[in-house]
Amino acid sequence: MSNDAGSSPNLPTVRVGKLDTIPRVREELGRVYRDARRKAGRDLSPSDASRLAFVLQKIGETLIAQDIVDGITTRLDAIERKGGRS
């Protein structure tokens, strides 16, 4: 299932951007999901459905993580505007 870069001369090189932020990871998970969903077709096997559901679960987790980060950032910004006092 996994191919190391350069393991086969017939496989194209796939470039993946940096996965160093939650939005970038979420975007890549979305690409993985959409690609897998297209390849699976309309009639999903139970194993394909399980794999796709797992990817969707991970996308949901990144959305929750981003909400948490956004909430913390908003609160910190409010504290800074008040001059550091709570």
N, C-alpha and C. Protein backbone atom coordinates (compact mmCIF):
# COMPACT_ATOMS: atom_id res chain seq x y z
N MET A 1 0.81 -1.20 0.00
CA MET A 1 0.00 0.00 0.00
C MET A 1 0.85 1.26 0.00
N SER A 2 1.93 1.27 0.77
CA SER A 2 2.78 2.44 0.78
C SER A 2 3.96 2.20 -0.15
N ASN A 3 4.32 3.25 -0.88
CA ASN A 3 5.45 3.18 -1.79
C ASN A 3 6.44 4.25 -1.42
N ASP A 4 7.67 3.85 -1.24
CA ASP A 4 8.72 4.82 -0.98
C ASP A 4 9.06 5.51 -2.29
N ALA A 5 9.39 6.79 -2.21
CA ALA A 5 9.78 7.53 -3.40
C ALA A 5 10.96 6.82 -4.05
N GLY A 6 10.84 6.60 -5.33
CA GLY A 6 11.92 5.97 -6.06
C GLY A 6 11.91 4.45 -6.00
N SER A 7 10.89 3.83 -5.39
CA SER A 7 10.87 2.38 -5.28
C SER A 7 10.54 1.72 -6.61
N SER A 8 9.85 2.44 -7.50
CA SER A 8 9.53 1.91 -8.81
C SER A 8 9.67 3.02 -9.83
N PRO A 9 10.41 2.79 -10.89
CA PRO A 9 10.59 3.84 -11.89
C PRO A 9 9.31 4.19 -12.64
N ASN A 10 8.28 3.34 -12.56
CA ASN A 10 7.03 3.58 -13.28
C ASN A 10 6.05 4.45 -12.52
N LEU A 11 6.27 4.64 -11.23
CA LEU A 11 5.34 5.42 -10.42
C LEU A 11 5.72 6.90 -10.44
N PRO A 12 4.72 7.77 -10.65
CA PRO A 12 5.03 9.20 -10.62
C PRO A 12 5.35 9.66 -9.20
N THR A 13 6.15 10.69 -9.11
CA THR A 13 6.47 11.26 -7.81
C THR A 13 5.29 12.12 -7.36
N VAL A 14 4.85 11.88 -6.14
CA VAL A 14 3.75 12.66 -5.58
C VAL A 14 4.34 13.65 -4.60
N ARG A 15 4.05 14.91 -4.82
CA ARG A 15 4.57 15.95 -3.95
C ARG A 15 3.51 16.32 -2.93
N VAL A 16 3.90 16.28 -1.69
CA VAL A 16 3.00 16.65 -0.60
C VAL A 16 3.61 17.87 0.07
N GLY A 17 2.80 18.90 0.26
CA GLY A 17 3.30 20.10 0.92
C GLY A 17 3.58 19.84 2.39
N LYS A 18 4.04 20.88 3.04
CA LYS A 18 4.32 20.76 4.47
C LYS A 18 3.04 20.43 5.23
N LEU A 19 3.16 19.55 6.18
CA LEU A 19 2.03 19.16 7.03
C LEU A 19 2.31 19.65 8.44
N ASP A 20 2.58 20.95 8.55
CA ASP A 20 3.03 21.50 9.82
C ASP A 20 1.98 22.35 10.54
N THR A 21 0.79 22.41 9.98
CA THR A 21 -0.31 23.12 10.65
C THR A 21 -1.57 22.27 10.55
N ILE A 22 -2.50 22.53 11.44
CA ILE A 22 -3.76 21.78 11.42
C ILE A 22 -4.50 21.96 10.09
N PRO A 23 -4.62 23.20 9.56
CA PRO A 23 -5.30 23.34 8.27
C PRO A 23 -4.63 22.57 7.14
N ARG A 24 -3.31 22.54 7.12
CA ARG A 24 -2.62 21.80 6.06
C ARG A 24 -2.85 20.30 6.18
N VAL A 25 -2.84 19.79 7.40
CA VAL A 25 -3.11 18.36 7.61
C VAL A 25 -4.55 18.05 7.20
N ARG A 26 -5.48 18.92 7.56
CA ARG A 26 -6.89 18.73 7.20
C ARG A 26 -7.06 18.73 5.68
N GLU A 27 -6.39 19.64 4.99
CA GLU A 27 -6.47 19.68 3.52
C GLU A 27 -5.95 18.38 2.91
N GLU A 28 -4.82 17.89 3.43
CA GLU A 28 -4.26 16.65 2.89
C GLU A 28 -5.18 15.47 3.18
N LEU A 29 -5.76 15.41 4.38
CA LEU A 29 -6.71 14.35 4.68
C LEU A 29 -7.90 14.41 3.73
N GLY A 30 -8.34 15.62 3.41
CA GLY A 30 -9.44 15.78 2.46
C GLY A 30 -9.08 15.25 1.09
N ARG A 31 -7.85 15.54 0.65
CA ARG A 31 -7.40 15.02 -0.64
C ARG A 31 -7.36 13.49 -0.63
N VAL A 32 -6.83 12.94 0.44
CA VAL A 32 -6.75 11.48 0.56
C VAL A 32 -8.15 10.88 0.51
N TYR A 33 -9.08 11.47 1.28
CA TYR A 33 -10.44 10.95 1.32
C TYR A 33 -11.10 11.03 -0.06
N ARG A 34 -11.02 12.21 -0.69
CA ARG A 34 -11.68 12.37 -1.99
C ARG A 34 -11.11 11.42 -3.04
N ASP A 35 -9.79 11.25 -3.04
CA ASP A 35 -9.15 10.34 -3.99
C ASP A 35 -9.61 8.91 -3.74
N ALA A 36 -9.60 8.50 -2.48
CA ALA A 36 -10.02 7.13 -2.15
C ALA A 36 -11.50 6.92 -2.47
N ARG A 37 -12.31 7.92 -2.19
CA ARG A 37 -13.76 7.81 -2.45
C ARG A 37 -14.04 7.67 -3.93
N ARG A 38 -13.34 8.45 -4.75
CA ARG A 38 -13.52 8.35 -6.20
C ARG A 38 -13.12 6.96 -6.71
N LYS A 39 -12.01 6.45 -6.18
CA LYS A 39 -11.53 5.15 -6.63
C LYS A 39 -12.42 4.01 -6.15
N ALA A 40 -13.07 4.18 -5.00
CA ALA A 40 -13.93 3.13 -4.46
C ALA A 40 -15.22 2.99 -5.24
N GLY A 41 -15.68 4.05 -5.87
CA GLY A 41 -16.91 4.00 -6.65
C GLY A 41 -18.16 4.07 -5.78
N ARG A 42 -19.28 3.78 -6.40
CA ARG A 42 -20.57 3.91 -5.70
C ARG A 42 -20.81 2.79 -4.70
N ASP A 43 -20.46 1.58 -5.06
CA ASP A 43 -20.72 0.43 -4.19
C ASP A 43 -19.47 0.12 -3.37
N LEU A 44 -19.49 0.57 -2.13
CA LEU A 44 -18.34 0.38 -1.25
C LEU A 44 -18.34 -0.99 -0.62
N SER A 45 -17.18 -1.61 -0.60
CA SER A 45 -17.03 -2.84 0.16
C SER A 45 -16.98 -2.45 1.63
N PRO A 46 -17.28 -3.36 2.53
CA PRO A 46 -17.19 -3.03 3.95
C PRO A 46 -15.80 -2.53 4.35
N SER A 47 -14.75 -3.11 3.80
CA SER A 47 -13.40 -2.66 4.17
C SER A 47 -13.12 -1.25 3.65
N ASP A 48 -13.58 -0.95 2.42
CA ASP A 48 -13.41 0.42 1.90
C ASP A 48 -14.21 1.42 2.73
N ALA A 49 -15.43 1.05 3.08
CA ALA A 49 -16.26 1.94 3.89
C ALA A 49 -15.60 2.21 5.24
N SER A 50 -15.02 1.19 5.84
CA SER A 50 -14.35 1.34 7.12
C SER A 50 -13.15 2.27 7.00
N ARG A 51 -12.38 2.09 5.97
CA ARG A 51 -11.20 2.94 5.75
C ARG A 51 -11.60 4.40 5.53
N LEU A 52 -12.62 4.61 4.72
CA LEU A 52 -13.08 5.97 4.45
C LEU A 52 -13.66 6.61 5.72
N ALA A 53 -14.39 5.83 6.49
CA ALA A 53 -14.93 6.36 7.75
C ALA A 53 -13.81 6.76 8.69
N PHE A 54 -12.73 6.01 8.70
CA PHE A 54 -11.58 6.35 9.54
C PHE A 54 -10.98 7.69 9.12
N VAL A 55 -10.83 7.89 7.82
CA VAL A 55 -10.29 9.16 7.33
C VAL A 55 -11.23 10.30 7.70
N LEU A 56 -12.53 10.10 7.54
CA LEU A 56 -13.49 11.14 7.93
C LEU A 56 -13.41 11.45 9.41
N GLN A 57 -13.22 10.42 10.23
CA GLN A 57 -13.07 10.63 11.67
C GLN A 57 -11.85 11.50 11.95
N LYS A 58 -10.76 11.24 11.27
CA LYS A 58 -9.54 12.03 11.47
C LYS A 58 -9.74 13.47 11.00
N ILE A 59 -10.49 13.66 9.92
CA ILE A 59 -10.80 15.02 9.47
C ILE A 59 -11.60 15.74 10.55
N GLY A 60 -12.58 15.05 11.12
CA GLY A 60 -13.37 15.64 12.21
C GLY A 60 -12.51 16.02 13.40
N GLU A 61 -11.55 15.17 13.72
CA GLU A 61 -10.65 15.48 14.84
C GLU A 61 -9.81 16.72 14.55
N THR A 62 -9.40 16.90 13.31
CA THR A 62 -8.63 18.11 12.99
C THR A 62 -9.51 19.35 13.07
N LEU A 63 -10.78 19.21 12.72
CA LEU A 63 -11.70 20.35 12.85
C LEU A 63 -11.87 20.75 14.31
N ILE A 64 -12.01 19.76 15.17
CA ILE A 64 -12.13 20.03 16.61
C ILE A 64 -10.86 20.68 17.13
N ALA A 65 -9.71 20.15 16.73
CA ALA A 65 -8.43 20.72 17.17
C ALA A 65 -8.31 22.17 16.73
N GLN A 66 -8.72 22.47 15.50
CA GLN A 66 -8.64 23.85 15.02
C GLN A 66 -9.58 24.75 15.80
N ASP A 67 -10.77 24.27 16.14
CA ASP A 67 -11.69 25.05 16.96
C ASP A 67 -11.08 25.37 18.32
N ILE A 68 -10.39 24.40 18.90
CA ILE A 68 -9.75 24.62 20.20
C ILE A 68 -8.65 25.67 20.06
N VAL A 69 -7.81 25.54 19.05
CA VAL A 69 -6.73 26.51 18.83
C VAL A 69 -7.31 27.90 18.59
N ASP A 70 -8.36 27.99 17.77
CA ASP A 70 -8.98 29.29 17.51
C ASP A 70 -9.55 29.91 18.78
N GLY A 71 -10.17 29.09 19.62
CA GLY A 71 -10.73 29.59 20.88
C GLY A 71 -9.64 30.10 21.81
N ILE A 72 -8.55 29.37 21.91
CA ILE A 72 -7.44 29.81 22.76
C ILE A 72 -6.85 31.10 22.22
N THR A 73 -6.67 31.18 20.91
CA THR A 73 -6.11 32.39 20.30
C THR A 73 -7.01 33.59 20.55
N THR A 74 -8.31 33.41 20.42
CA THR A 74 -9.25 34.49 20.67
C THR A 74 -9.16 34.97 22.11
N ARG A 75 -9.10 34.05 23.04
CA ARG A 75 -9.01 34.41 24.46
C ARG A 75 -7.68 35.11 24.77
N LEU A 76 -6.60 34.62 24.21
CA LEU A 76 -5.31 35.26 24.44
C LEU A 76 -5.27 36.67 23.87
N ASP A 77 -5.86 36.84 22.69
CA ASP A 77 -5.93 38.18 22.08
C ASP A 77 -6.74 39.13 22.97
N ALA A 78 -7.83 38.64 23.54
CA ALA A 78 -8.66 39.47 24.41
C ALA A 78 -7.89 39.87 25.67
N ILE A 79 -7.12 38.94 26.21
CA ILE A 79 -6.31 39.24 27.40
C ILE A 79 -5.25 40.29 27.07
N GLU A 80 -4.61 40.15 25.92
CA GLU A 80 -3.59 41.11 25.52
C GLU A 80 -4.19 42.50 25.30
N ARG A 81 -5.39 42.55 24.75
CA ARG A 81 -6.05 43.87 24.54
C ARG A 81 -6.38 44.53 25.87
N LYS A 82 -6.62 43.72 26.89
CA LYS A 82 -6.93 44.27 28.23
C LYS A 82 -5.65 44.64 28.97
N GLY A 83 -4.52 44.48 28.34
CA GLY A 83 -3.27 44.84 28.99
C GLY A 83 -2.70 43.72 29.83
N GLY A 84 -3.07 42.48 29.54
CA GLY A 84 -2.51 41.36 30.26
C GLY A 84 -3.21 41.04 31.56
N ARG A 85 -4.26 41.76 31.86
CA ARG A 85 -5.01 41.50 33.10
C ARG A 85 -6.20 40.63 32.81
N SER A 86 -6.51 39.74 33.74
CA SER A 86 -7.67 38.87 33.54
C SER A 86 -8.88 39.36 34.25
